[in-house]
C-alpha atoms as a PDB file:
ATOM      1  CA  MET A   1      -0.068  -0.020   0.018  1.00  0.00           C
ATOM      2  CA  ASP A   2       2.834   2.324   0.910  1.00  0.00           C
ATOM      3  CA  GLU A   3       4.240   1.763  -2.604  1.00  0.00           C
ATOM      4  CA  VAL A   4       1.125   2.744  -4.270  1.00  0.00           C
ATOM      5  CA  LEU A   5       0.818   5.968  -2.304  1.00  0.00           C
ATOM      6  CA  GLU A   6       4.556   6.638  -3.019  1.00  0.00           C
ATOM      7  CA  MET A   7       3.915   6.218  -6.729  1.00  0.00           C
ATOM      8  CA  LEU A   8       0.872   8.498  -6.660  1.00  0.00           C
ATOM      9  CA  ASP A   9       2.815  11.061  -4.806  1.00  0.00           C
ATOM     10  CA  LYS A  10       5.514  11.055  -7.239  1.00  0.00           C
ATOM     11  CA  THR A  11       3.055  11.161 -10.289  1.00  0.00           C
ATOM     12  CA  ALA A  12       1.230  14.110  -8.797  1.00  0.00           C
ATOM     13  CA  LYS A  13       4.491  15.921  -8.162  1.00  0.00           C
ATOM     14  CA  ARG A  14       5.322  15.468 -12.012  1.00  0.00           C
ATOM     15  CA  VAL A  15       2.099  16.573 -12.972  1.00  0.00           C
ATOM     16  CA  GLN A  16       2.133  19.830 -10.955  1.00  0.00           C
ATOM     17  CA  LYS A  17       5.611  20.544 -12.195  1.00  0.00           C
ATOM     18  CA  THR A  18       4.673  20.190 -15.734  1.00  0.00           C
ATOM     19  CA  ALA A  19       1.398  22.253 -15.127  1.00  0.00           C
ATOM     20  CA  ASP A  20       3.623  25.054 -13.451  1.00  0.00           C
ATOM     21  CA  GLU A  21       6.108  25.110 -16.351  1.00  0.00           C
ATOM     22  CA  THR A  22       3.274  25.243 -18.903  1.00  0.00           C
ATOM     23  CA  LYS A  23       1.686  28.115 -17.118  1.00  0.00           C
ATOM     24  CA  GLU A  24       4.922  30.115 -16.853  1.00  0.00           C
ATOM     25  CA  ALA A  25       5.473  29.557 -20.679  1.00  0.00           C
ATOM     26  CA  SER A  26       1.940  30.578 -21.333  1.00  0.00           C
ATOM     27  CA  LEU A  27       2.200  34.004 -19.313  1.00  0.00           C
ATOM     28  CA  LYS A  28       5.495  34.804 -21.153  1.00  0.00           C
ATOM     29  CA  HIS A  29       3.948  34.255 -24.659  1.00  0.00           C
ATOM     30  CA  THR A  30       0.965  36.183 -23.522  1.00  0.00           C
ATOM     31  CA  ALA A  31       3.254  39.181 -22.530  1.00  0.00           C
ATOM     32  CA  ILE A  32       5.055  38.940 -25.865  1.00  0.00           C
ATOM     33  CA  TYR A  33       1.774  38.981 -27.965  1.00  0.00           C
ATOM     34  CA  GLU A  34       0.524  42.010 -25.938  1.00  0.00           C
ATOM     35  CA  GLN A  35       3.744  43.745 -26.762  1.00  0.00           C
ATOM     36  CA  LEU A  36       3.593  42.909 -30.442  1.00  0.00           C
ATOM     37  CA  GLN A  37      -0.176  44.355 -30.763  1.00  0.00           C
ATOM     38  CA  GLN A  38       1.031  47.650 -29.201  1.00  0.00           C
ATOM     39  CA  GLN A  39       4.218  47.950 -31.543  1.00  0.00           C
ATOM     40  CA  PRO A  40       3.344  50.724 -34.158  1.00  0.00           C
ATOM     41  CA  GLU A  41       5.730  49.024 -36.770  1.00  0.00           C
ATOM     42  CA  ALA A  42       3.827  45.748 -36.774  1.00  0.00           C
ATOM     43  CA  THR A  43       1.706  44.986 -39.401  1.00  0.00           C
ATOM     44  CA  GLN A  44      -2.062  44.544 -39.061  1.00  0.00           C
ATOM     45  CA  GLU A  45      -1.483  40.790 -40.101  1.00  0.00           C
ATOM     46  CA  GLN A  46       0.952  40.425 -37.436  1.00  0.00           C
ATOM     47  CA  LYS A  47      -1.279  42.110 -34.805  1.00  0.00           C
ATOM     48  CA  ILE A  48      -4.170  39.917 -35.850  1.00  0.00           C
ATOM     49  CA  LYS A  49      -1.831  36.723 -35.584  1.00  0.00           C
ATOM     50  CA  ALA A  50      -0.827  37.775 -32.084  1.00  0.00           C
ATOM     51  CA  PHE A  51      -4.270  38.544 -30.997  1.00  0.00           C
ATOM     52  CA  ILE A  52      -5.447  34.946 -32.086  1.00  0.00           C
ATOM     53  CA  LYS A  53      -2.530  33.398 -30.464  1.00  0.00           C
ATOM     54  CA  LYS A  54      -3.048  35.165 -27.258  1.00  0.00           C
ATOM     55  CA  THR A  55      -6.676  33.990 -26.955  1.00  0.00           C
END
């Protein structure tokens, strides 16, 4: 029984780590897309693509 609980604990920690890494990457991408949308030299097409990827 202890082995099963240990395996579940390890799996939960791995899943949490992956979720945290994904969240961090997503936040970074969102910030980049927001910056791109505000750049005056960005084309309308680039701004639209950034908006779509952000949402």
